[in-house]
Amino acid sequence: MSGKTNGQAKALVDRIYPVSRETFAALETYLALLRTWQAKTNLVAPGTLEDFWTRHVCDSLQALAMFPQTGFWMDLGSGAGFPGMVIAIANIGQPERRHVLVESNHKKCAFLRAVARETEACVAVESGRIESVAKRYVDSGDLPEIVTARALTPLPQLIGLAEPLLNAGSVGLFHKGRDYAREVEDCRGLWESDLVIHESRIEAGSVLLELRNPVRGQVRKHEES
């Protein structure tokens, strides 16, 4: 149970985003699969498995708690599925909600598909480069409402990857750690965007960056919430 009893883990999750017992059981299935696959494929930093519920699940659910009515999510560089798969599992039972997870590593894609199959989460796993997948969705006019990314790449590069989607109307919601201010500063002279900073409810100093309308230039608006 990753260092916590079933009841303790459920209470932690419910403080961020309340889920049913059935949904919690699906998250437990996710953890069991992650443990099994981790032994063969490096999906997450090994030490973080013991803090699965806080570091991975609760941290991911912050995004859903902020935008609970979102109908179409896209997660860039999903890796082991944080935050995209966690959000999809939390939305089980709402088939009108869509979740696209973009990942170029074939082994990680296989893992994500296994989780989706075992939990019955409504997930489409896109195996390919972010640039190609983003272009295809933009060209088709099938745009996600929220684009997420966690531990993928520094902010200047991340904006570059997400730019086609964000300029077509999607909203970026990016998890960043305690050095986020340096990453924001690194964007100066490269990107101009509307930026709102949301403090993490999980880890002091970490944030979720809500970003819109990126263009080449200097950061235009920097708000705290």
C-alpha atoms as a PDB file:
ATOM      1  CA  MET A   1       0.000   0.000   0.000  1.00  0.00           C
ATOM      2  CA  SER A   2       3.044   2.215  -0.507  1.00  0.00           C
ATOM      3  CA  GLY A   3       3.534   2.880   3.197  1.00  0.00           C
ATOM      4  CA  LYS A   4      -0.124   3.743   3.898  1.00  0.00           C
ATOM      5  CA  THR A   5      -3.184   1.721   4.808  1.00  0.00           C
ATOM      6  CA  ASN A   6      -6.116   1.588   2.430  1.00  0.00           C
ATOM      7  CA  GLY A   7      -8.078   4.029   4.589  1.00  0.00           C
ATOM      8  CA  GLN A   8      -5.181   6.459   4.932  1.00  0.00           C
ATOM      9  CA  ALA A   9      -4.567   6.487   1.190  1.00  0.00           C
ATOM     10  CA  LYS A  10      -8.267   7.013   0.420  1.00  0.00           C
ATOM     11  CA  ALA A  11      -8.409   9.914   2.890  1.00  0.00           C
ATOM     12  CA  LEU A  12      -5.374  11.530   1.252  1.00  0.00           C
ATOM     13  CA  VAL A  13      -6.925  11.276  -2.197  1.00  0.00           C
ATOM     14  CA  ASP A  14     -10.308  12.565  -1.053  1.00  0.00           C
ATOM     15  CA  ARG A  15      -8.744  15.708   0.384  1.00  0.00           C
ATOM     16  CA  ILE A  16      -7.642  16.677  -3.113  1.00  0.00           C
ATOM     17  CA  TYR A  17     -10.440  15.190  -5.225  1.00  0.00           C
ATOM     18  CA  PRO A  18     -13.050  12.852  -3.703  1.00  0.00           C
ATOM     19  CA  VAL A  19     -13.416   9.541  -5.541  1.00  0.00           C
ATOM     20  CA  SER A  20     -15.727   6.567  -5.186  1.00  0.00           C
ATOM     21  CA  ARG A  21     -14.568   3.271  -3.686  1.00  0.00           C
ATOM     22  CA  GLU A  22     -14.693   1.790  -7.181  1.00  0.00           C
ATOM     23  CA  THR A  23     -12.438   4.524  -8.530  1.00  0.00           C
ATOM     24  CA  PHE A  24     -10.057   4.097  -5.617  1.00  0.00           C
ATOM     25  CA  ALA A  25      -9.928   0.369  -6.361  1.00  0.00           C
ATOM     26  CA  ALA A  26      -8.965   1.229  -9.957  1.00  0.00           C
ATOM     27  CA  LEU A  27      -6.142   3.398  -8.621  1.00  0.00           C
ATOM     28  CA  GLU A  28      -4.990   0.438  -6.519  1.00  0.00           C
ATOM     29  CA  THR A  29      -4.964  -1.659  -9.693  1.00  0.00           C
ATOM     30  CA  TYR A  30      -2.841   1.064 -11.290  1.00  0.00           C
ATOM     31  CA  LEU A  31      -0.349   0.845  -8.420  1.00  0.00           C
ATOM     32  CA  ALA A  32      -0.185  -2.946  -8.654  1.00  0.00           C
ATOM     33  CA  LEU A  33       0.533  -2.757 -12.395  1.00  0.00           C
ATOM     34  CA  LEU A  34       3.120  -0.052 -11.833  1.00  0.00           C
ATOM     35  CA  ARG A  35       4.944  -2.241  -9.308  1.00  0.00           C
ATOM     36  CA  THR A  36       4.928  -5.205 -11.688  1.00  0.00           C
ATOM     37  CA  TRP A  37       6.100  -3.259 -14.726  1.00  0.00           C
ATOM     38  CA  GLN A  38       8.643  -1.229 -12.745  1.00  0.00           C
ATOM     39  CA  ALA A  39      10.561  -4.441 -12.100  1.00  0.00           C
ATOM     40  CA  LYS A  40      11.119  -4.769 -15.864  1.00  0.00           C
ATOM     41  CA  THR A  41      10.887  -1.207 -17.183  1.00  0.00           C
ATOM     42  CA  ASN A  42      12.034   2.002 -15.504  1.00  0.00           C
ATOM     43  CA  LEU A  43       8.768   3.946 -15.345  1.00  0.00           C
ATOM     44  CA  VAL A  44       9.295   6.147 -12.275  1.00  0.00           C
ATOM     45  CA  ALA A  45      12.137   6.955  -9.909  1.00  0.00           C
ATOM     46  CA  PRO A  46      12.219   3.832  -7.681  1.00  0.00           C
ATOM     47  CA  GLY A  47      12.049   5.753  -4.416  1.00  0.00           C
ATOM     48  CA  THR A  48       8.801   7.459  -5.401  1.00  0.00           C
ATOM     49  CA  LEU A  49       6.759   4.240  -5.447  1.00  0.00           C
ATOM     50  CA  GLU A  50       6.639   4.280  -1.665  1.00  0.00           C
ATOM     51  CA  ASP A  51       4.955   7.679  -1.862  1.00  0.00           C
ATOM     52  CA  PHE A  52       2.641   6.768  -4.740  1.00  0.00           C
ATOM     53  CA  TRP A  53      -0.526   8.227  -3.241  1.00  0.00           C
ATOM     54  CA  THR A  54       0.848  11.643  -2.354  1.00  0.00           C
ATOM     55  CA  ARG A  55       3.620  12.243  -4.869  1.00  0.00           C
ATOM     56  CA  HIS A  56       1.879  10.786  -7.905  1.00  0.00           C
ATOM     57  CA  VAL A  57      -1.878  10.433  -7.385  1.00  0.00           C
ATOM     58  CA  CYS A  58      -2.683  13.468  -5.245  1.00  0.00           C
ATOM     59  CA  ASP A  59      -0.255  15.656  -7.161  1.00  0.00           C
ATOM     60  CA  SER A  60      -1.925  14.635 -10.419  1.00  0.00           C
ATOM     61  CA  LEU A  61      -5.456  15.131  -9.103  1.00  0.00           C
ATOM     62  CA  GLN A  62      -4.742  18.776  -8.330  1.00  0.00           C
ATOM     63  CA  ALA A  63      -5.192  19.494 -12.036  1.00  0.00           C
ATOM     64  CA  LEU A  64      -8.610  17.840 -12.126  1.00  0.00           C
ATOM     65  CA  ALA A  65      -9.658  19.645  -8.933  1.00  0.00           C
ATOM     66  CA  MET A  66      -8.828  22.950 -10.620  1.00  0.00           C
ATOM     67  CA  PHE A  67     -10.764  22.168 -13.808  1.00  0.00           C
ATOM     68  CA  PRO A  68     -13.350  19.524 -12.804  1.00  0.00           C
ATOM     69  CA  GLN A  69     -15.690  20.142 -15.749  1.00  0.00           C
ATOM     70  CA  THR A  70     -13.080  19.620 -18.464  1.00  0.00           C
ATOM     71  CA  GLY A  71     -14.289  17.252 -21.165  1.00  0.00           C
ATOM     72  CA  PHE A  72     -11.092  16.665 -23.142  1.00  0.00           C
ATOM     73  CA  TRP A  73      -7.624  16.333 -21.602  1.00  0.00           C
ATOM     74  CA  MET A  74      -4.324  15.756 -23.388  1.00  0.00           C
ATOM     75  CA  ASP A  75      -1.182  14.773 -21.455  1.00  0.00           C
ATOM     76  CA  LEU A  76       2.173  15.385 -23.135  1.00  0.00           C
ATOM     77  CA  GLY A  77       5.064  13.002 -22.457  1.00  0.00           C
ATOM     78  CA  SER A  78       2.883  10.873 -20.181  1.00  0.00           C
ATOM     79  CA  GLY A  79       5.586   8.439 -19.107  1.00  0.00           C
ATOM     80  CA  ALA A  80       3.988   6.297 -16.406  1.00  0.00           C
ATOM     81  CA  GLY A  81       0.758   8.286 -16.680  1.00  0.00           C
ATOM     82  CA  PHE A  82       1.076  11.275 -14.372  1.00  0.00           C
ATOM     83  CA  PRO A  83      -1.073  13.281 -14.407  1.00  0.00           C
ATOM     84  CA  GLY A  84      -3.007  12.017 -17.458  1.00  0.00           C
ATOM     85  CA  MET A  85      -3.819   8.448 -16.427  1.00  0.00           C
ATOM     86  CA  VAL A  86      -4.742   9.449 -12.872  1.00  0.00           C
ATOM     87  CA  ILE A  87      -7.186  12.033 -14.241  1.00  0.00           C
ATOM     88  CA  ALA A  88      -8.649   9.465 -16.631  1.00  0.00           C
ATOM     89  CA  ILE A  89      -9.163   6.959 -13.814  1.00  0.00           C
ATOM     90  CA  ALA A  90     -10.793   9.638 -11.652  1.00  0.00           C
ATOM     91  CA  ASN A  91     -13.183  10.292 -14.552  1.00  0.00           C
ATOM     92  CA  ILE A  92     -14.228   6.634 -14.925  1.00  0.00           C
ATOM     93  CA  GLY A  93     -17.986   6.457 -15.295  1.00  0.00           C
ATOM     94  CA  GLN A  94     -18.106   9.657 -17.350  1.00  0.00           C
ATOM     95  CA  PRO A  95     -17.712   8.331 -20.917  1.00  0.00           C
ATOM     96  CA  GLU A  96     -18.262  11.781 -22.399  1.00  0.00           C
ATOM     97  CA  ARG A  97     -14.867  12.804 -21.042  1.00  0.00           C
ATOM     98  CA  ARG A  98     -11.832  12.059 -23.204  1.00  0.00           C
ATOM     99  CA  HIS A  99      -8.182  11.584 -22.300  1.00  0.00           C
ATOM    100  CA  VAL A 100      -5.311  11.432 -24.782  1.00  0.00           C
ATOM    101  CA  LEU A 101      -1.890  10.416 -23.470  1.00  0.00           C
ATOM    102  CA  VAL A 102       1.046  11.209 -25.756  1.00  0.00           C
ATOM    103  CA  GLU A 103       4.210   9.145 -25.277  1.00  0.00           C
ATOM    104  CA  SER A 104       7.022   8.254 -27.687  1.00  0.00           C
ATOM    105  CA  ASN A 105       8.506   5.360 -25.683  1.00  0.00           C
ATOM    106  CA  HIS A 106       6.891   2.137 -26.881  1.00  0.00           C
ATOM    107  CA  LYS A 107       7.361   0.259 -23.593  1.00  0.00           C
ATOM    108  CA  LYS A 108       5.705   3.066 -21.668  1.00  0.00           C
ATOM    109  CA  CYS A 109       2.880   3.135 -24.222  1.00  0.00           C
ATOM    110  CA  ALA A 110       2.371  -0.596 -23.657  1.00  0.00           C
ATOM    111  CA  PHE A 111       2.181   0.025 -19.911  1.00  0.00           C
ATOM    112  CA  LEU A 112      -0.337   2.853 -20.324  1.00  0.00           C
ATOM    113  CA  ARG A 113      -2.523   0.679 -22.546  1.00  0.00           C
ATOM    114  CA  ALA A 114      -2.370  -2.131 -19.982  1.00  0.00           C
ATOM    115  CA  VAL A 115      -3.503   0.244 -17.229  1.00  0.00           C
ATOM    116  CA  ALA A 116      -6.330   1.593 -19.392  1.00  0.00           C
ATOM    117  CA  ARG A 117      -7.453  -1.949 -20.208  1.00  0.00           C
ATOM    118  CA  GLU A 118      -7.341  -3.222 -16.612  1.00  0.00           C
ATOM    119  CA  THR A 119      -9.019  -0.155 -15.088  1.00  0.00           C
ATOM    120  CA  GLU A 120     -11.438   0.472 -17.995  1.00  0.00           C
ATOM    121  CA  ALA A 121     -10.372   4.118 -18.078  1.00  0.00           C
ATOM    122  CA  CYS A 122     -11.395   6.063 -21.189  1.00  0.00           C
ATOM    123  CA  VAL A 123      -7.899   6.629 -22.602  1.00  0.00           C
ATOM    124  CA  ALA A 124      -6.371   6.883 -26.062  1.00  0.00           C
ATOM    125  CA  VAL A 125      -2.606   6.363 -26.046  1.00  0.00           C
ATOM    126  CA  GLU A 126      -0.851   8.191 -28.880  1.00  0.00           C
ATOM    127  CA  SER A 127       2.542   6.636 -29.602  1.00  0.00           C
ATOM    128  CA  GLY A 128       4.621   9.269 -31.346  1.00  0.00           C
ATOM    129  CA  ARG A 129       6.419  12.562 -31.108  1.00  0.00           C
ATOM    130  CA  ILE A 130       4.534  15.371 -29.429  1.00  0.00           C
ATOM    131  CA  GLU A 131       5.053  17.729 -32.376  1.00  0.00           C
ATOM    132  CA  SER A 132       3.460  15.294 -34.835  1.00  0.00           C
ATOM    133  CA  VAL A 133       0.532  14.393 -32.598  1.00  0.00           C
ATOM    134  CA  ALA A 134      -0.170  18.037 -31.746  1.00  0.00           C
ATOM    135  CA  LYS A 135      -0.148  19.028 -35.419  1.00  0.00           C
ATOM    136  CA  ARG A 136      -2.592  16.264 -36.289  1.00  0.00           C
ATOM    137  CA  TYR A 137      -5.075  17.314 -33.622  1.00  0.00           C
ATOM    138  CA  VAL A 138      -4.780  20.993 -34.518  1.00  0.00           C
ATOM    139  CA  ASP A 139      -5.221  20.279 -38.229  1.00  0.00           C
ATOM    140  CA  SER A 140      -8.325  18.199 -37.517  1.00  0.00           C
ATOM    141  CA  GLY A 141      -9.807  20.839 -35.224  1.00  0.00           C
ATOM    142  CA  ASP A 142     -10.123  18.223 -32.453  1.00  0.00           C
ATOM    143  CA  LEU A 143      -8.637  20.305 -29.677  1.00  0.00           C
ATOM    144  CA  PRO A 144      -8.178  19.371 -26.032  1.00  0.00           C
ATOM    145  CA  GLU A 145      -9.467  21.865 -23.513  1.00  0.00           C
ATOM    146  CA  ILE A 146      -6.533  21.307 -21.151  1.00  0.00           C
ATOM    147  CA  VAL A 147      -2.996  20.218 -22.041  1.00  0.00           C
ATOM    148  CA  THR A 148      -0.959  18.851 -19.129  1.00  0.00           C
ATOM    149  CA  ALA A 149       2.686  17.923 -18.643  1.00  0.00           C
ATOM    150  CA  ARG A 150       4.687  16.859 -15.602  1.00  0.00           C
ATOM    151  CA  ALA A 151       8.448  16.389 -15.345  1.00  0.00           C
ATOM    152  CA  LEU A 152       8.776  16.497 -19.117  1.00  0.00           C
ATOM    153  CA  THR A 153      11.177  19.295 -20.083  1.00  0.00           C
ATOM    154  CA  PRO A 154      12.097  22.858 -18.987  1.00  0.00           C
ATOM    155  CA  LEU A 155       9.380  25.464 -19.524  1.00  0.00           C
ATOM    156  CA  PRO A 156      10.854  27.216 -22.601  1.00  0.00           C
ATOM    157  CA  GLN A 157      11.036  23.903 -24.466  1.00  0.00           C
ATOM    158  CA  LEU A 158       7.671  22.761 -23.105  1.00  0.00           C
ATOM    159  CA  ILE A 159       5.940  25.877 -24.431  1.00  0.00           C
ATOM    160  CA  GLY A 160       7.530  25.207 -27.800  1.00  0.00           C
ATOM    161  CA  LEU A 161       6.102  21.688 -27.870  1.00  0.00           C
ATOM    162  CA  ALA A 162       2.621  22.779 -26.768  1.00  0.00           C
ATOM    163  CA  GLU A 163       2.492  26.027 -28.775  1.00  0.00           C
ATOM    164  CA  PRO A 164       0.340  24.726 -31.678  1.00  0.00           C
ATOM    165  CA  LEU A 165      -2.319  23.462 -29.276  1.00  0.00           C
ATOM    166  CA  LEU A 166      -2.184  26.510 -27.010  1.00  0.00           C
ATOM    167  CA  ASN A 167      -2.442  28.951 -29.893  1.00  0.00           C
ATOM    168  CA  ALA A 168      -5.410  27.014 -31.251  1.00  0.00           C
ATOM    169  CA  GLY A 169      -7.263  27.537 -27.961  1.00  0.00           C
ATOM    170  CA  SER A 170      -6.118  24.854 -25.515  1.00  0.00           C
ATOM    171  CA  VAL A 171      -4.984  25.844 -22.015  1.00  0.00           C
ATOM    172  CA  GLY A 172      -1.649  24.607 -20.693  1.00  0.00           C
ATOM    173  CA  LEU A 173      -1.499  23.307 -17.123  1.00  0.00           C
ATOM    174  CA  PHE A 174       2.053  22.341 -16.265  1.00  0.00           C
ATOM    175  CA  HIS A 175       3.354  20.877 -12.998  1.00  0.00           C
ATOM    176  CA  LYS A 176       6.644  22.459 -11.967  1.00  0.00           C
ATOM    177  CA  GLY A 177       8.921  22.060  -8.963  1.00  0.00           C
ATOM    178  CA  ARG A 178      10.627  24.515  -6.656  1.00  0.00           C
ATOM    179  CA  ASP A 179      12.855  25.923  -9.406  1.00  0.00           C
ATOM    180  CA  TYR A 180       9.855  27.069 -11.438  1.00  0.00           C
ATOM    181  CA  ALA A 181      10.794  30.750 -11.040  1.00  0.00           C
ATOM    182  CA  ARG A 182      14.058  30.134 -12.852  1.00  0.00           C
ATOM    183  CA  GLU A 183      12.216  28.376 -15.666  1.00  0.00           C
ATOM    184  CA  VAL A 184       9.793  31.299 -15.967  1.00  0.00           C
ATOM    185  CA  GLU A 185      12.740  33.683 -16.044  1.00  0.00           C
ATOM    186  CA  ASP A 186      14.389  31.555 -18.734  1.00  0.00           C
ATOM    187  CA  CYS A 187      11.364  32.246 -20.949  1.00  0.00           C
ATOM    188  CA  ARG A 188      12.049  35.964 -20.995  1.00  0.00           C
ATOM    189  CA  GLY A 189      13.092  37.047 -24.438  1.00  0.00           C
ATOM    190  CA  LEU A 190      11.840  33.731 -25.840  1.00  0.00           C
ATOM    191  CA  TRP A 191       8.135  33.574 -25.040  1.00  0.00           C
ATOM    192  CA  GLU A 192       5.343  35.980 -24.174  1.00  0.00           C
ATOM    193  CA  SER A 193       2.264  34.411 -22.611  1.00  0.00           C
ATOM    194  CA  ASP A 194      -0.602  34.854 -20.184  1.00  0.00           C
ATOM    195  CA  LEU A 195       0.556  33.037 -17.074  1.00  0.00           C
ATOM    196  CA  VAL A 196      -1.178  32.252 -13.789  1.00  0.00           C
ATOM    197  CA  ILE A 197       0.762  30.524 -11.013  1.00  0.00           C
ATOM    198  CA  HIS A 198      -1.143  28.146  -8.722  1.00  0.00           C
ATOM    199  CA  GLU A 199       0.634  26.990  -5.586  1.00  0.00           C
ATOM    200  CA  SER A 200       0.777  23.225  -5.132  1.00  0.00           C
ATOM    201  CA  ARG A 201      -1.430  21.724  -2.449  1.00  0.00           C
ATOM    202  CA  ILE A 202       0.992  18.799  -2.167  1.00  0.00           C
ATOM    203  CA  GLU A 203       4.523  20.175  -1.982  1.00  0.00           C
ATOM    204  CA  ALA A 204       5.571  23.575  -0.669  1.00  0.00           C
ATOM    205  CA  GLY A 205       7.323  25.590  -3.349  1.00  0.00           C
ATOM    206  CA  SER A 206       5.935  23.568  -6.245  1.00  0.00           C
ATOM    207  CA  VAL A 207       3.316  25.009  -8.578  1.00  0.00           C
ATOM    208  CA  LEU A 208       0.958  24.405 -11.465  1.00  0.00           C
ATOM    209  CA  LEU A 209       1.451  26.904 -14.274  1.00  0.00           C
ATOM    210  CA  GLU A 210      -1.713  27.839 -16.162  1.00  0.00           C
ATOM    211  CA  LEU A 211      -0.600  29.205 -19.510  1.00  0.00           C
ATOM    212  CA  ARG A 212      -2.381  30.683 -22.528  1.00  0.00           C
ATOM    213  CA  ASN A 213      -1.614  32.481 -25.791  1.00  0.00           C
ATOM    214  CA  PRO A 214       2.149  31.964 -26.157  1.00  0.00           C
ATOM    215  CA  VAL A 215       3.973  34.089 -28.698  1.00  0.00           C
ATOM    216  CA  ARG A 216       7.630  34.815 -29.201  1.00  0.00           C
ATOM    217  CA  GLY A 217       8.747  37.526 -26.799  1.00  0.00           C
ATOM    218  CA  GLN A 218       8.658  38.397 -23.124  1.00  0.00           C
ATOM    219  CA  VAL A 219       6.282  37.018 -20.475  1.00  0.00           C
ATOM    220  CA  ARG A 220       3.345  39.415 -20.514  1.00  0.00           C
ATOM    221  CA  LYS A 221       1.369  38.722 -17.368  1.00  0.00           C
ATOM    222  CA  HIS A 222       2.491  37.007 -14.190  1.00  0.00           C
ATOM    223  CA  GLU A 223      -0.230  36.491 -11.602  1.00  0.00           C
ATOM    224  CA  GLU A 224      -0.358  34.626  -8.314  1.00  0.00           C
ATOM    225  CA  SER A 225      -3.398  32.682  -7.157  1.00  0.00           C
END
